[in-house]
Amino acid sequence: MTSFWLFLSDLFKWSYGFFDFAGNIVNWLLFIAGTVLFCYWCYVLVVTLGGDKDKEYYSPTEGKHPYYDPNIMRKENK
């Protein structure tokens, strides 16, 4: 019976080592994925939106939907 508990102890020691190893791999994979997403985000901000390209932007709804429209929101006098 003692050999069974020793075997079980060795199995637990091995499983903790395995989870430590697998956790390091998952940690590095998540770090690399986060780094790639951050670099892509920086690329979008700098290349596609940078260089005063916002001045060339034309909004098709600008002026057509004002924040306050007196025809819609008028104060009723009682």
PDB file of N, CA and C in Angstrom:
ATOM      1  N   MET A   1       0.824  -1.198   0.000  1.00  0.00           N
ATOM      2  CA  MET A   1       0.000   0.000   0.000  1.00  0.00           C
ATOM      3  C   MET A   1       0.861   1.251   0.000  1.00  0.00           C
ATOM      4  N   THR A   2       2.013   1.150   0.657  1.00  0.00           N
ATOM      5  CA  THR A   2       2.903   2.304   0.696  1.00  0.00           C
ATOM      6  C   THR A   2       3.402   2.652  -0.699  1.00  0.00           C
ATOM      7  N   SER A   3       3.662   1.648  -1.522  1.00  0.00           N
ATOM      8  CA  SER A   3       4.140   1.921  -2.878  1.00  0.00           C
ATOM      9  C   SER A   3       3.076   2.654  -3.703  1.00  0.00           C
ATOM     10  N   PHE A   4       1.794   2.362  -3.424  1.00  0.00           N
ATOM     11  CA  PHE A   4       0.723   3.076  -4.128  1.00  0.00           C
ATOM     12  C   PHE A   4       0.747   4.568  -3.790  1.00  0.00           C
ATOM     13  N   TRP A   5       0.912   4.883  -2.508  1.00  0.00           N
ATOM     14  CA  TRP A   5       0.931   6.291  -2.103  1.00  0.00           C
ATOM     15  C   TRP A   5       2.186   6.993  -2.621  1.00  0.00           C
ATOM     16  N   LEU A   6       3.286   6.284  -2.688  1.00  0.00           N
ATOM     17  CA  LEU A   6       4.503   6.867  -3.265  1.00  0.00           C
ATOM     18  C   LEU A   6       4.321   7.131  -4.761  1.00  0.00           C
ATOM     19  N   PHE A   7       3.669   6.172  -5.432  1.00  0.00           N
ATOM     20  CA  PHE A   7       3.374   6.366  -6.859  1.00  0.00           C
ATOM     21  C   PHE A   7       2.450   7.566  -7.054  1.00  0.00           C
ATOM     22  N   LEU A   8       1.415   7.658  -6.213  1.00  0.00           N
ATOM     23  CA  LEU A   8       0.483   8.783  -6.297  1.00  0.00           C
ATOM     24  C   LEU A   8       1.195  10.103  -6.017  1.00  0.00           C
ATOM     25  N   SER A   9       2.111  10.105  -5.092  1.00  0.00           N
ATOM     26  CA  SER A   9       2.888  11.305  -4.793  1.00  0.00           C
ATOM     27  C   SER A   9       3.743  11.711  -5.981  1.00  0.00           C
ATOM     28  N   ASP A  10       4.386  10.732  -6.610  1.00  0.00           N
ATOM     29  CA  ASP A  10       5.187  11.029  -7.806  1.00  0.00           C
ATOM     30  C   ASP A  10       4.321  11.557  -8.945  1.00  0.00           C
ATOM     31  N   LEU A  11       3.115  10.997  -9.055  1.00  0.00           N
ATOM     32  CA  LEU A  11       2.188  11.462 -10.092  1.00  0.00           C
ATOM     33  C   LEU A  11       1.785  12.914  -9.855  1.00  0.00           C
ATOM     34  N   PHE A  12       1.512  13.256  -8.603  1.00  0.00           N
ATOM     35  CA  PHE A  12       1.161  14.645  -8.293  1.00  0.00           C
ATOM     36  C   PHE A  12       2.338  15.581  -8.548  1.00  0.00           C
ATOM     37  N   LYS A  13       3.532  15.167  -8.184  1.00  0.00           N
ATOM     38  CA  LYS A  13       4.717  15.995  -8.450  1.00  0.00           C
ATOM     39  C   LYS A  13       4.888  16.223  -9.941  1.00  0.00           C
ATOM     40  N   TRP A  14       4.690  15.157 -10.726  1.00  0.00           N
ATOM     41  CA  TRP A  14       4.810  15.290 -12.181  1.00  0.00           C
ATOM     42  C   TRP A  14       3.733  16.224 -12.736  1.00  0.00           C
ATOM     43  N   SER A  15       2.488  16.094 -12.225  1.00  0.00           N
ATOM     44  CA  SER A  15       1.398  16.921 -12.751  1.00  0.00           C
ATOM     45  C   SER A  15       1.635  18.396 -12.437  1.00  0.00           C
ATOM     46  N   TYR A  16       2.192  18.697 -11.250  1.00  0.00           N
ATOM     47  CA  TYR A  16       2.483  20.097 -10.937  1.00  0.00           C
ATOM     48  C   TYR A  16       3.560  20.645 -11.855  1.00  0.00           C
ATOM     49  N   GLY A  17       4.567  19.842 -12.151  1.00  0.00           N
ATOM     50  CA  GLY A  17       5.600  20.269 -13.095  1.00  0.00           C
ATOM     51  C   GLY A  17       5.033  20.473 -14.484  1.00  0.00           C
ATOM     52  N   PHE A  18       4.123  19.574 -14.884  1.00  0.00           N
ATOM     53  CA  PHE A  18       3.507  19.704 -16.200  1.00  0.00           C
ATOM     54  C   PHE A  18       2.669  20.966 -16.291  1.00  0.00           C
ATOM     55  N   PHE A  19       1.868  21.256 -15.246  1.00  0.00           N
ATOM     56  CA  PHE A  19       1.034  22.452 -15.274  1.00  0.00           C
ATOM     57  C   PHE A  19       1.883  23.720 -15.233  1.00  0.00           C
ATOM     58  N   ASP A  20       3.005  23.677 -14.544  1.00  0.00           N
ATOM     59  CA  ASP A  20       3.914  24.821 -14.530  1.00  0.00           C
ATOM     60  C   ASP A  20       4.478  25.054 -15.922  1.00  0.00           C
ATOM     61  N   PHE A  21       4.883  23.986 -16.589  1.00  0.00           N
ATOM     62  CA  PHE A  21       5.417  24.077 -17.955  1.00  0.00           C
ATOM     63  C   PHE A  21       4.338  24.570 -18.926  1.00  0.00           C
ATOM     64  N   ALA A  22       3.138  23.976 -18.852  1.00  0.00           N
ATOM     65  CA  ALA A  22       2.044  24.371 -19.746  1.00  0.00           C
ATOM     66  C   ALA A  22       1.609  25.810 -19.472  1.00  0.00           C
ATOM     67  N   GLY A  23       1.636  26.223 -18.199  1.00  0.00           N
ATOM     68  CA  GLY A  23       1.278  27.605 -17.874  1.00  0.00           C
ATOM     69  C   GLY A  23       2.253  28.596 -18.470  1.00  0.00           C
ATOM     70  N   ASN A  24       3.531  28.246 -18.479  1.00  0.00           N
ATOM     71  CA  ASN A  24       4.524  29.126 -19.099  1.00  0.00           C
ATOM     72  C   ASN A  24       4.286  29.242 -20.601  1.00  0.00           C
ATOM     73  N   ILE A  25       3.936  28.136 -21.244  1.00  0.00           N
ATOM     74  CA  ILE A  25       3.665  28.181 -22.689  1.00  0.00           C
ATOM     75  C   ILE A  25       2.439  29.044 -22.977  1.00  0.00           C
ATOM     76  N   VAL A  26       1.373  28.837 -22.209  1.00  0.00           N
ATOM     77  CA  VAL A  26       0.155  29.646 -22.411  1.00  0.00           C
ATOM     78  C   VAL A  26       0.451  31.112 -22.137  1.00  0.00           C
ATOM     79  N   ASN A  27       1.259  31.385 -21.131  1.00  0.00           N
ATOM     80  CA  ASN A  27       1.614  32.762 -20.809  1.00  0.00           C
ATOM     81  C   ASN A  27       2.351  33.424 -21.971  1.00  0.00           C
ATOM     82  N   TRP A  28       3.309  32.728 -22.553  1.00  0.00           N
ATOM     83  CA  TRP A  28       4.049  33.296 -23.686  1.00  0.00           C
ATOM     84  C   TRP A  28       3.154  33.466 -24.912  1.00  0.00           C
ATOM     85  N   LEU A  29       2.252  32.497 -25.151  1.00  0.00           N
ATOM     86  CA  LEU A  29       1.344  32.634 -26.299  1.00  0.00           C
ATOM     87  C   LEU A  29       0.426  33.845 -26.131  1.00  0.00           C
ATOM     88  N   LEU A  30      -0.097  34.047 -24.922  1.00  0.00           N
ATOM     89  CA  LEU A  30      -0.949  35.218 -24.689  1.00  0.00           C
ATOM     90  C   LEU A  30      -0.153  36.513 -24.792  1.00  0.00           C
ATOM     91  N   PHE A  31       1.096  36.497 -24.330  1.00  0.00           N
ATOM     92  CA  PHE A  31       1.937  37.684 -24.443  1.00  0.00           C
ATOM     93  C   PHE A  31       2.211  38.020 -25.907  1.00  0.00           C
ATOM     94  N   ILE A  32       2.506  37.014 -26.708  1.00  0.00           N
ATOM     95  CA  ILE A  32       2.774  37.255 -28.139  1.00  0.00           C
ATOM     96  C   ILE A  32       1.505  37.734 -28.836  1.00  0.00           C
ATOM     97  N   ALA A  33       0.351  37.144 -28.518  1.00  0.00           N
ATOM     98  CA  ALA A  33      -0.911  37.585 -29.134  1.00  0.00           C
ATOM     99  C   ALA A  33      -1.230  39.026 -28.738  1.00  0.00           C
ATOM    100  N   GLY A  34      -1.007  39.375 -27.477  1.00  0.00           N
ATOM    101  CA  GLY A  34      -1.246  40.752 -27.041  1.00  0.00           C
ATOM    102  C   GLY A  34      -0.298  41.736 -27.699  1.00  0.00           C
ATOM    103  N   THR A  35       0.951  41.336 -27.876  1.00  0.00           N
ATOM    104  CA  THR A  35       1.927  42.199 -28.541  1.00  0.00           C
ATOM    105  C   THR A  35       1.544  42.430 -29.999  1.00  0.00           C
ATOM    106  N   VAL A  36       1.106  41.379 -30.673  1.00  0.00           N
ATOM    107  CA  VAL A  36       0.683  41.513 -32.078  1.00  0.00           C
ATOM    108  C   VAL A  36      -0.531  42.428 -32.184  1.00  0.00           C
ATOM    109  N   LEU A  37      -1.505  42.254 -31.296  1.00  0.00           N
ATOM    110  CA  LEU A  37      -2.684  43.131 -31.332  1.00  0.00           C
ATOM    111  C   LEU A  37      -2.315  44.584 -31.043  1.00  0.00           C
ATOM    112  N   PHE A  38      -1.402  44.803 -30.100  1.00  0.00           N
ATOM    113  CA  PHE A  38      -0.976  46.159 -29.794  1.00  0.00           C
ATOM    114  C   PHE A  38      -0.251  46.790 -30.977  1.00  0.00           C
ATOM    115  N   CYS A  39       0.626  46.037 -31.635  1.00  0.00           N
ATOM    116  CA  CYS A  39       1.335  46.569 -32.809  1.00  0.00           C
ATOM    117  C   CYS A  39       0.364  46.872 -33.945  1.00  0.00           C
ATOM    118  N   TYR A  40      -0.637  46.008 -34.140  1.00  0.00           N
ATOM    119  CA  TYR A  40      -1.642  46.270 -35.170  1.00  0.00           C
ATOM    120  C   TYR A  40      -2.444  47.522 -34.837  1.00  0.00           C
ATOM    121  N   TRP A  41      -2.793  47.701 -33.565  1.00  0.00           N
ATOM    122  CA  TRP A  41      -3.529  48.884 -33.136  1.00  0.00           C
ATOM    123  C   TRP A  41      -2.704  50.147 -33.391  1.00  0.00           C
ATOM    124  N   CYS A  42      -1.415  50.097 -33.068  1.00  0.00           N
ATOM    125  CA  CYS A  42      -0.535  51.243 -33.339  1.00  0.00           C
ATOM    126  C   CYS A  42      -0.436  51.504 -34.829  1.00  0.00           C
ATOM    127  N   TYR A  43      -0.358  50.454 -35.635  1.00  0.00           N
ATOM    128  CA  TYR A  43      -0.298  50.602 -37.090  1.00  0.00           C
ATOM    129  C   TYR A  43      -1.556  51.294 -37.611  1.00  0.00           C
ATOM    130  N   VAL A  44      -2.710  50.879 -37.143  1.00  0.00           N
ATOM    131  CA  VAL A  44      -3.961  51.496 -37.591  1.00  0.00           C
ATOM    132  C   VAL A  44      -4.000  52.959 -37.185  1.00  0.00           C
ATOM    133  N   LEU A  45      -3.578  53.267 -35.961  1.00  0.00           N
ATOM    134  CA  LEU A  45      -3.621  54.652 -35.508  1.00  0.00           C
ATOM    135  C   LEU A  45      -2.658  55.538 -36.285  1.00  0.00           C
ATOM    136  N   VAL A  46      -1.461  55.049 -36.553  1.00  0.00           N
ATOM    137  CA  VAL A  46      -0.440  55.886 -37.171  1.00  0.00           C
ATOM    138  C   VAL A  46      -0.584  55.926 -38.683  1.00  0.00           C
ATOM    139  N   VAL A  47      -0.737  54.772 -39.325  1.00  0.00           N
ATOM    140  CA  VAL A  47      -0.712  54.721 -40.785  1.00  0.00           C
ATOM    141  C   VAL A  47      -2.056  55.105 -41.389  1.00  0.00           C
ATOM    142  N   THR A  48      -3.126  54.500 -40.912  1.00  0.00           N
ATOM    143  CA  THR A  48      -4.412  54.764 -41.571  1.00  0.00           C
ATOM    144  C   THR A  48      -5.110  56.012 -41.052  1.00  0.00           C
ATOM    145  N   LEU A  49      -4.847  56.411 -39.807  1.00  0.00           N
ATOM    146  CA  LEU A  49      -5.532  57.580 -39.267  1.00  0.00           C
ATOM    147  C   LEU A  49      -4.614  58.776 -39.050  1.00  0.00           C
ATOM    148  N   GLY A  50      -3.312  58.584 -39.190  1.00  0.00           N
ATOM    149  CA  GLY A  50      -2.371  59.668 -38.923  1.00  0.00           C
ATOM    150  C   GLY A  50      -2.154  60.565 -40.120  1.00  0.00           C
ATOM    151  N   GLY A  51      -1.316  61.559 -39.933  1.00  0.00           N
ATOM    152  CA  GLY A  51      -0.944  62.455 -41.028  1.00  0.00           C
ATOM    153  C   GLY A  51      -2.042  63.396 -41.460  1.00  0.00           C
ATOM    154  N   ASP A  52      -2.866  63.871 -40.534  1.00  0.00           N
ATOM    155  CA  ASP A  52      -3.949  64.817 -40.813  1.00  0.00           C
ATOM    156  C   ASP A  52      -4.930  64.295 -41.854  1.00  0.00           C
ATOM    157  N   LYS A  53      -5.123  63.000 -41.902  1.00  0.00           N
ATOM    158  CA  LYS A  53      -6.091  62.441 -42.846  1.00  0.00           C
ATOM    159  C   LYS A  53      -7.529  62.707 -42.391  1.00  0.00           C
ATOM    160  N   ASP A  54      -7.680  63.085 -41.108  1.00  0.00           N
ATOM    161  CA  ASP A  54      -9.025  63.382 -40.641  1.00  0.00           C
ATOM    162  C   ASP A  54      -9.561  64.661 -41.259  1.00  0.00           C
ATOM    163  N   LYS A  55      -8.684  65.529 -41.782  1.00  0.00           N
ATOM    164  CA  LYS A  55      -9.156  66.763 -42.421  1.00  0.00           C
ATOM    165  C   LYS A  55      -9.823  66.473 -43.760  1.00  0.00           C
ATOM    166  N   GLU A  56      -9.464  65.352 -44.375  1.00  0.00           N
ATOM    167  CA  GLU A  56     -10.067  64.977 -45.652  1.00  0.00           C
ATOM    168  C   GLU A  56     -11.385  64.226 -45.472  1.00  0.00           C
ATOM    169  N   TYR A  57     -11.754  63.924 -44.239  1.00  0.00           N
ATOM    170  CA  TYR A  57     -12.949  63.129 -43.980  1.00  0.00           C
ATOM    171  C   TYR A  57     -14.194  63.955 -44.232  1.00  0.00           C
ATOM    172  N   TYR A  58     -15.151  63.369 -44.927  1.00  0.00           N
ATOM    173  CA  TYR A  58     -16.428  64.017 -45.195  1.00  0.00           C
ATOM    174  C   TYR A  58     -17.530  63.191 -44.546  1.00  0.00           C
ATOM    175  N   SER A  59     -18.307  63.824 -43.691  1.00  0.00           N
ATOM    176  CA  SER A  59     -19.410  63.140 -43.035  1.00  0.00           C
ATOM    177  C   SER A  59     -20.696  63.393 -43.813  1.00  0.00           C
ATOM    178  N   PRO A  60     -21.331  62.348 -44.308  1.00  0.00           N
ATOM    179  CA  PRO A  60     -22.564  62.549 -45.079  1.00  0.00           C
ATOM    180  C   PRO A  60     -23.737  63.016 -44.220  1.00  0.00           C
ATOM    181  N   THR A  61     -23.661  62.910 -42.909  1.00  0.00           N
ATOM    182  CA  THR A  61     -24.778  63.327 -42.054  1.00  0.00           C
ATOM    183  C   THR A  61     -24.481  64.618 -41.301  1.00  0.00           C
ATOM    184  N   GLU A  62     -23.361  65.257 -41.573  1.00  0.00           N
ATOM    185  CA  GLU A  62     -23.014  66.467 -40.826  1.00  0.00           C
ATOM    186  C   GLU A  62     -23.998  67.587 -41.139  1.00  0.00           C
ATOM    187  N   GLY A  63     -24.563  68.145 -40.091  1.00  0.00           N
ATOM    188  CA  GLY A  63     -25.518  69.231 -40.248  1.00  0.00           C
ATOM    189  C   GLY A  63     -26.941  68.773 -40.468  1.00  0.00           C
ATOM    190  N   LYS A  64     -27.151  67.527 -40.811  1.00  0.00           N
ATOM    191  CA  LYS A  64     -28.499  67.033 -41.073  1.00  0.00           C
ATOM    192  C   LYS A  64     -29.185  66.541 -39.798  1.00  0.00           C
ATOM    193  N   HIS A  65     -28.407  66.165 -38.807  1.00  0.00           N
ATOM    194  CA  HIS A  65     -28.958  65.678 -37.552  1.00  0.00           C
ATOM    195  C   HIS A  65     -28.327  66.460 -36.407  1.00  0.00           C
ATOM    196  N   PRO A  66     -28.792  67.678 -36.166  1.00  0.00           N
ATOM    197  CA  PRO A  66     -28.177  68.474 -35.096  1.00  0.00           C
ATOM    198  C   PRO A  66     -28.506  67.914 -33.720  1.00  0.00           C
ATOM    199  N   TYR A  67     -27.687  68.291 -32.770  1.00  0.00           N
ATOM    200  CA  TYR A  67     -27.901  67.843 -31.392  1.00  0.00           C
ATOM    201  C   TYR A  67     -29.218  68.391 -30.845  1.00  0.00           C
ATOM    202  N   TYR A  68     -29.510  69.645 -31.167  1.00  0.00           N
ATOM    203  CA  TYR A  68     -30.755  70.260 -30.695  1.00  0.00           C
ATOM    204  C   TYR A  68     -31.534  70.753 -31.900  1.00  0.00           C
ATOM    205  N   ASP A  69     -32.697  70.192 -32.104  1.00  0.00           N
ATOM    206  CA  ASP A  69     -33.578  70.609 -33.198  1.00  0.00           C
ATOM    207  C   ASP A  69     -34.796  71.292 -32.582  1.00  0.00           C
ATOM    208  N   PRO A  70     -34.952  72.609 -32.780  1.00  0.00           N
ATOM    209  CA  PRO A  70     -36.082  73.305 -32.145  1.00  0.00           C
ATOM    210  C   PRO A  70     -37.440  72.817 -32.634  1.00  0.00           C
ATOM    211  N   ASN A  71     -37.516  72.219 -33.811  1.00  0.00           N
ATOM    212  CA  ASN A  71     -38.799  71.709 -34.287  1.00  0.00           C
ATOM    213  C   ASN A  71     -39.222  70.464 -33.509  1.00  0.00           C
ATOM    214  N   ILE A  72     -38.258  69.717 -33.045  1.00  0.00           N
ATOM    215  CA  ILE A  72     -38.571  68.499 -32.306  1.00  0.00           C
ATOM    216  C   ILE A  72     -38.678  68.791 -30.811  1.00  0.00           C
ATOM    217  N   MET A  73     -37.707  69.531 -30.292  1.00  0.00           N
ATOM    218  CA  MET A  73     -37.638  69.769 -28.847  1.00  0.00           C
ATOM    219  C   MET A  73     -38.003  71.217 -28.545  1.00  0.00           C
ATOM    220  N   ARG A  74     -39.259  71.513 -28.386  1.00  0.00           N
ATOM    221  CA  ARG A  74     -39.658  72.865 -28.037  1.00  0.00           C
ATOM    222  C   ARG A  74     -40.313  72.842 -26.672  1.00  0.00           C
ATOM    223  N   LYS A  75     -40.078  73.901 -25.961  1.00  0.00           N
ATOM    224  CA  LYS A  75     -40.603  73.991 -24.596  1.00  0.00           C
ATOM    225  C   LYS A  75     -42.053  74.462 -24.671  1.00  0.00           C
ATOM    226  N   GLU A  76     -42.891  73.692 -24.042  1.00  0.00           N
ATOM    227  CA  GLU A  76     -44.313  74.059 -24.044  1.00  0.00           C
ATOM    228  C   GLU A  76     -44.578  74.987 -22.860  1.00  0.00           C
ATOM    229  N   ASN A  77     -45.231  76.102 -23.149  1.00  0.00           N
ATOM    230  CA  ASN A  77     -45.610  77.032 -22.084  1.00  0.00           C
ATOM    231  C   ASN A  77     -46.980  76.652 -21.559  1.00  0.00           C
ATOM    232  N   LYS A  78     -47.078  76.588 -20.274  1.00  0.00           N
ATOM    233  CA  LYS A  78     -48.368  76.239 -19.680  1.00  0.00           C
ATOM    234  C   LYS A  78     -49.045  77.458 -19.093  1.00  0.00           C
TER     235      LYS A  78
END
